[in-house]
Amino acid sequence: MAAATPEEMASWPAPNFEDPERRDGIVIGMAAPTLALVVVIATMRFYGRGVLRNALGKDDWMMFAAAVRLAQYSTLQRSSWLVPNLCSIYCF
């Protein structure tokens, strides 16, 4: 992808740092159902493998770690726009 030309940059609107357009509803609308689905699937897997079969493996714990990271990322998503460099510290 080529860089923007000076003429294209001149046609861009000025940035609005005072009252920017918010998209919190879209982010929450996508993150909440995804997080709920992950929690349900991870719970079913842990119950099936841990309680019924008594055979939790490394893959189950990796799934648990991924679910925790998803929860952290989902909750920090809104804050990353409000506090500079927050997501670069906490979101991998």
N, C-alpha and C. Protein backbone atom coordinates (compact mmCIF):
# COMPACT_ATOMS: atom_id res chain seq x y z
N MET A 1 0.84 -1.16 0.00
CA MET A 1 0.00 0.00 0.00
C MET A 1 0.89 1.24 0.00
N ALA A 2 0.60 2.16 -0.89
CA ALA A 2 1.40 3.37 -1.02
C ALA A 2 1.01 4.39 0.05
N ALA A 3 1.95 5.24 0.39
CA ALA A 3 1.67 6.31 1.36
C ALA A 3 0.77 7.36 0.72
N ALA A 4 0.03 8.06 1.55
CA ALA A 4 -0.86 9.10 1.07
C ALA A 4 -0.05 10.28 0.53
N THR A 5 -0.57 10.87 -0.51
CA THR A 5 0.09 12.04 -1.09
C THR A 5 -0.27 13.28 -0.27
N PRO A 6 0.51 14.34 -0.40
CA PRO A 6 0.17 15.58 0.33
C PRO A 6 -1.22 16.12 -0.02
N GLU A 7 -1.64 15.94 -1.29
CA GLU A 7 -2.97 16.41 -1.69
C GLU A 7 -4.06 15.62 -0.96
N GLU A 8 -3.85 14.31 -0.82
CA GLU A 8 -4.82 13.49 -0.10
C GLU A 8 -4.85 13.87 1.38
N MET A 9 -3.70 14.09 1.97
CA MET A 9 -3.66 14.49 3.38
C MET A 9 -4.33 15.83 3.61
N ALA A 10 -4.22 16.74 2.66
CA ALA A 10 -4.86 18.05 2.80
C ALA A 10 -6.38 17.94 2.76
N SER A 11 -6.91 16.90 2.11
CA SER A 11 -8.36 16.73 2.01
C SER A 11 -8.97 16.05 3.23
N TRP A 12 -8.14 15.52 4.12
CA TRP A 12 -8.65 14.85 5.32
C TRP A 12 -9.26 15.86 6.28
N PRO A 13 -10.31 15.46 7.01
CA PRO A 13 -10.86 16.39 8.01
C PRO A 13 -9.90 16.54 9.19
N ALA A 14 -10.03 17.64 9.89
CA ALA A 14 -9.18 17.89 11.06
C ALA A 14 -9.54 16.90 12.17
N PRO A 15 -8.57 16.39 12.94
CA PRO A 15 -8.89 15.45 14.02
C PRO A 15 -9.70 16.14 15.12
N ASN A 16 -10.60 15.38 15.71
CA ASN A 16 -11.47 15.91 16.76
C ASN A 16 -11.08 15.25 18.08
N PHE A 17 -10.20 15.90 18.83
CA PHE A 17 -9.74 15.35 20.10
C PHE A 17 -10.62 15.78 21.27
N GLU A 18 -11.43 16.82 21.08
CA GLU A 18 -12.27 17.33 22.15
C GLU A 18 -13.48 16.43 22.40
N ASP A 19 -14.19 16.06 21.34
CA ASP A 19 -15.39 15.24 21.46
C ASP A 19 -15.40 14.21 20.33
N PRO A 20 -14.55 13.17 20.43
CA PRO A 20 -14.45 12.21 19.32
C PRO A 20 -15.70 11.34 19.22
N GLU A 21 -15.89 10.78 18.03
CA GLU A 21 -16.99 9.85 17.81
C GLU A 21 -16.73 8.59 18.62
N ARG A 22 -17.73 8.15 19.39
CA ARG A 22 -17.57 6.99 20.26
C ARG A 22 -18.22 5.78 19.60
N ARG A 23 -17.60 4.63 19.76
CA ARG A 23 -18.16 3.38 19.23
C ARG A 23 -18.21 2.33 20.33
N ASP A 24 -18.47 2.77 21.55
CA ASP A 24 -18.51 1.84 22.67
C ASP A 24 -19.59 0.78 22.50
N GLY A 25 -20.74 1.18 21.96
CA GLY A 25 -21.84 0.23 21.80
C GLY A 25 -21.48 -0.92 20.88
N ILE A 26 -20.78 -0.63 19.80
CA ILE A 26 -20.38 -1.67 18.86
C ILE A 26 -19.36 -2.61 19.51
N VAL A 27 -18.40 -2.03 20.22
CA VAL A 27 -17.37 -2.85 20.88
C VAL A 27 -17.99 -3.76 21.93
N ILE A 28 -18.87 -3.21 22.76
CA ILE A 28 -19.52 -4.02 23.79
C ILE A 28 -20.44 -5.04 23.16
N GLY A 29 -21.14 -4.65 22.09
CA GLY A 29 -22.03 -5.58 21.40
C GLY A 29 -21.32 -6.75 20.76
N MET A 30 -20.07 -6.59 20.40
CA MET A 30 -19.30 -7.70 19.82
C MET A 30 -18.54 -8.47 20.90
N ALA A 31 -17.99 -7.76 21.87
CA ALA A 31 -17.14 -8.41 22.88
C ALA A 31 -17.95 -9.22 23.88
N ALA A 32 -19.09 -8.72 24.31
CA ALA A 32 -19.87 -9.41 25.35
C ALA A 32 -20.38 -10.79 24.89
N PRO A 33 -21.01 -10.90 23.71
CA PRO A 33 -21.44 -12.25 23.29
C PRO A 33 -20.27 -13.20 23.03
N THR A 34 -19.18 -12.66 22.49
CA THR A 34 -18.01 -13.51 22.25
C THR A 34 -17.44 -14.02 23.57
N LEU A 35 -17.34 -13.15 24.54
CA LEU A 35 -16.83 -13.54 25.85
C LEU A 35 -17.76 -14.54 26.52
N ALA A 36 -19.06 -14.33 26.41
CA ALA A 36 -20.03 -15.27 26.99
C ALA A 36 -19.92 -16.64 26.34
N LEU A 37 -19.76 -16.67 25.03
CA LEU A 37 -19.60 -17.94 24.31
C LEU A 37 -18.33 -18.66 24.75
N VAL A 38 -17.25 -17.92 24.90
CA VAL A 38 -15.99 -18.52 25.35
C VAL A 38 -16.14 -19.10 26.75
N VAL A 39 -16.81 -18.38 27.64
CA VAL A 39 -16.99 -18.87 29.00
C VAL A 39 -17.82 -20.16 29.00
N VAL A 40 -18.89 -20.20 28.20
CA VAL A 40 -19.73 -21.40 28.14
C VAL A 40 -18.94 -22.58 27.59
N ILE A 41 -18.23 -22.39 26.50
CA ILE A 41 -17.48 -23.49 25.89
C ILE A 41 -16.35 -23.96 26.80
N ALA A 42 -15.62 -23.02 27.42
CA ALA A 42 -14.53 -23.41 28.31
C ALA A 42 -15.07 -24.15 29.54
N THR A 43 -16.20 -23.71 30.07
CA THR A 43 -16.80 -24.38 31.22
C THR A 43 -17.23 -25.80 30.86
N MET A 44 -17.86 -25.95 29.70
CA MET A 44 -18.28 -27.29 29.27
C MET A 44 -17.07 -28.20 29.07
N ARG A 45 -16.00 -27.67 28.50
CA ARG A 45 -14.80 -28.48 28.27
C ARG A 45 -14.16 -28.89 29.59
N PHE A 46 -14.03 -27.94 30.52
CA PHE A 46 -13.44 -28.28 31.81
C PHE A 46 -14.30 -29.29 32.56
N TYR A 47 -15.61 -29.14 32.48
CA TYR A 47 -16.49 -30.10 33.15
C TYR A 47 -16.36 -31.48 32.50
N GLY A 48 -16.39 -31.52 31.19
CA GLY A 48 -16.31 -32.81 30.49
C GLY A 48 -14.98 -33.50 30.67
N ARG A 49 -13.91 -32.76 30.56
CA ARG A 49 -12.60 -33.40 30.66
C ARG A 49 -12.15 -33.56 32.10
N GLY A 50 -12.50 -32.61 32.96
CA GLY A 50 -12.01 -32.65 34.33
C GLY A 50 -12.85 -33.48 35.26
N VAL A 51 -14.16 -33.36 35.17
CA VAL A 51 -15.05 -34.06 36.10
C VAL A 51 -15.43 -35.43 35.56
N LEU A 52 -15.89 -35.47 34.32
CA LEU A 52 -16.37 -36.74 33.78
C LEU A 52 -15.24 -37.71 33.43
N ARG A 53 -14.19 -37.22 32.82
CA ARG A 53 -13.10 -38.12 32.39
C ARG A 53 -11.88 -38.05 33.28
N ASN A 54 -11.79 -37.02 34.12
CA ASN A 54 -10.64 -36.84 35.01
C ASN A 54 -9.33 -36.83 34.22
N ALA A 55 -9.32 -36.06 33.12
CA ALA A 55 -8.16 -36.06 32.24
C ALA A 55 -7.88 -34.67 31.69
N LEU A 56 -7.62 -33.71 32.56
CA LEU A 56 -7.25 -32.38 32.08
C LEU A 56 -5.82 -32.42 31.57
N GLY A 57 -5.62 -31.82 30.40
CA GLY A 57 -4.28 -31.80 29.80
C GLY A 57 -3.79 -30.38 29.61
N LYS A 58 -2.62 -30.27 28.99
CA LYS A 58 -2.02 -28.96 28.74
C LYS A 58 -2.90 -28.11 27.82
N ASP A 59 -3.56 -28.75 26.87
CA ASP A 59 -4.41 -28.00 25.97
C ASP A 59 -5.59 -27.36 26.69
N ASP A 60 -6.09 -28.01 27.73
CA ASP A 60 -7.19 -27.43 28.50
C ASP A 60 -6.72 -26.19 29.26
N TRP A 61 -5.54 -26.26 29.82
CA TRP A 61 -5.02 -25.12 30.55
C TRP A 61 -4.65 -23.98 29.61
N MET A 62 -4.22 -24.30 28.40
CA MET A 62 -3.95 -23.26 27.40
C MET A 62 -5.25 -22.57 26.99
N MET A 63 -6.32 -23.35 26.87
CA MET A 63 -7.63 -22.77 26.55
C MET A 63 -8.09 -21.85 27.68
N PHE A 64 -7.85 -22.26 28.90
CA PHE A 64 -8.21 -21.43 30.06
C PHE A 64 -7.41 -20.13 30.04
N ALA A 65 -6.12 -20.22 29.76
CA ALA A 65 -5.28 -19.02 29.71
C ALA A 65 -5.74 -18.08 28.59
N ALA A 66 -6.11 -18.65 27.45
CA ALA A 66 -6.59 -17.83 26.34
C ALA A 66 -7.91 -17.15 26.71
N ALA A 67 -8.78 -17.84 27.42
CA ALA A 67 -10.06 -17.25 27.84
C ALA A 67 -9.83 -16.10 28.82
N VAL A 68 -8.88 -16.26 29.72
CA VAL A 68 -8.56 -15.19 30.66
C VAL A 68 -8.00 -13.98 29.92
N ARG A 69 -7.12 -14.21 28.96
CA ARG A 69 -6.56 -13.10 28.18
C ARG A 69 -7.64 -12.39 27.37
N LEU A 70 -8.59 -13.17 26.82
CA LEU A 70 -9.68 -12.55 26.07
C LEU A 70 -10.51 -11.67 26.99
N ALA A 71 -10.77 -12.13 28.20
CA ALA A 71 -11.54 -11.33 29.16
C ALA A 71 -10.79 -10.05 29.51
N GLN A 72 -9.49 -10.14 29.72
CA GLN A 72 -8.70 -8.95 30.03
C GLN A 72 -8.71 -7.97 28.86
N TYR A 73 -8.52 -8.48 27.68
CA TYR A 73 -8.49 -7.63 26.50
C TYR A 73 -9.84 -6.97 26.26
N SER A 74 -10.91 -7.73 26.45
CA SER A 74 -12.26 -7.19 26.23
C SER A 74 -12.58 -6.08 27.21
N THR A 75 -12.18 -6.23 28.45
CA THR A 75 -12.49 -5.20 29.44
C THR A 75 -11.58 -3.99 29.32
N LEU A 76 -10.37 -4.16 28.82
CA LEU A 76 -9.46 -3.03 28.66
C LEU A 76 -9.64 -2.30 27.34
N GLN A 77 -10.45 -2.85 26.44
CA GLN A 77 -10.59 -2.27 25.11
C GLN A 77 -11.07 -0.82 25.17
N ARG A 78 -12.07 -0.53 25.98
CA ARG A 78 -12.58 0.85 26.07
C ARG A 78 -11.54 1.75 26.74
N SER A 79 -10.87 1.26 27.75
CA SER A 79 -9.89 2.08 28.46
C SER A 79 -8.68 2.40 27.60
N SER A 80 -8.39 1.56 26.62
CA SER A 80 -7.19 1.80 25.80
C SER A 80 -7.32 3.07 24.99
N TRP A 81 -8.56 3.52 24.71
CA TRP A 81 -8.73 4.77 23.99
C TRP A 81 -8.64 5.97 24.92
N LEU A 82 -8.92 5.77 26.20
CA LEU A 82 -8.96 6.88 27.14
C LEU A 82 -7.60 7.17 27.76
N VAL A 83 -6.79 6.15 27.96
CA VAL A 83 -5.49 6.31 28.58
C VAL A 83 -4.42 5.93 27.56
N PRO A 84 -3.53 6.85 27.20
CA PRO A 84 -2.51 6.55 26.20
C PRO A 84 -1.61 5.38 26.63
N ASN A 85 -1.31 4.53 25.70
CA ASN A 85 -0.40 3.39 25.86
C ASN A 85 -0.87 2.34 26.86
N LEU A 86 -2.12 2.36 27.30
CA LEU A 86 -2.60 1.35 28.24
C LEU A 86 -2.63 -0.02 27.57
N CYS A 87 -3.15 -0.08 26.36
CA CYS A 87 -3.27 -1.38 25.70
C CYS A 87 -1.90 -1.91 25.29
N SER A 88 -0.95 -1.04 25.01
CA SER A 88 0.38 -1.52 24.67
C SER A 88 1.08 -2.16 25.86
N ILE A 89 0.62 -1.83 27.07
CA ILE A 89 1.21 -2.41 28.27
C ILE A 89 0.50 -3.71 28.65
N TYR A 90 -0.84 -3.71 28.62
CA TYR A 90 -1.60 -4.84 29.14
C TYR A 90 -2.14 -5.78 28.07
N CYS A 91 -2.29 -5.33 26.84
CA CYS A 91 -2.88 -6.18 25.79
C CYS A 91 -1.76 -6.68 24.87
N PHE A 92 -1.54 -7.97 24.87
CA PHE A 92 -0.46 -8.52 24.04
C PHE A 92 -0.94 -8.85 22.67
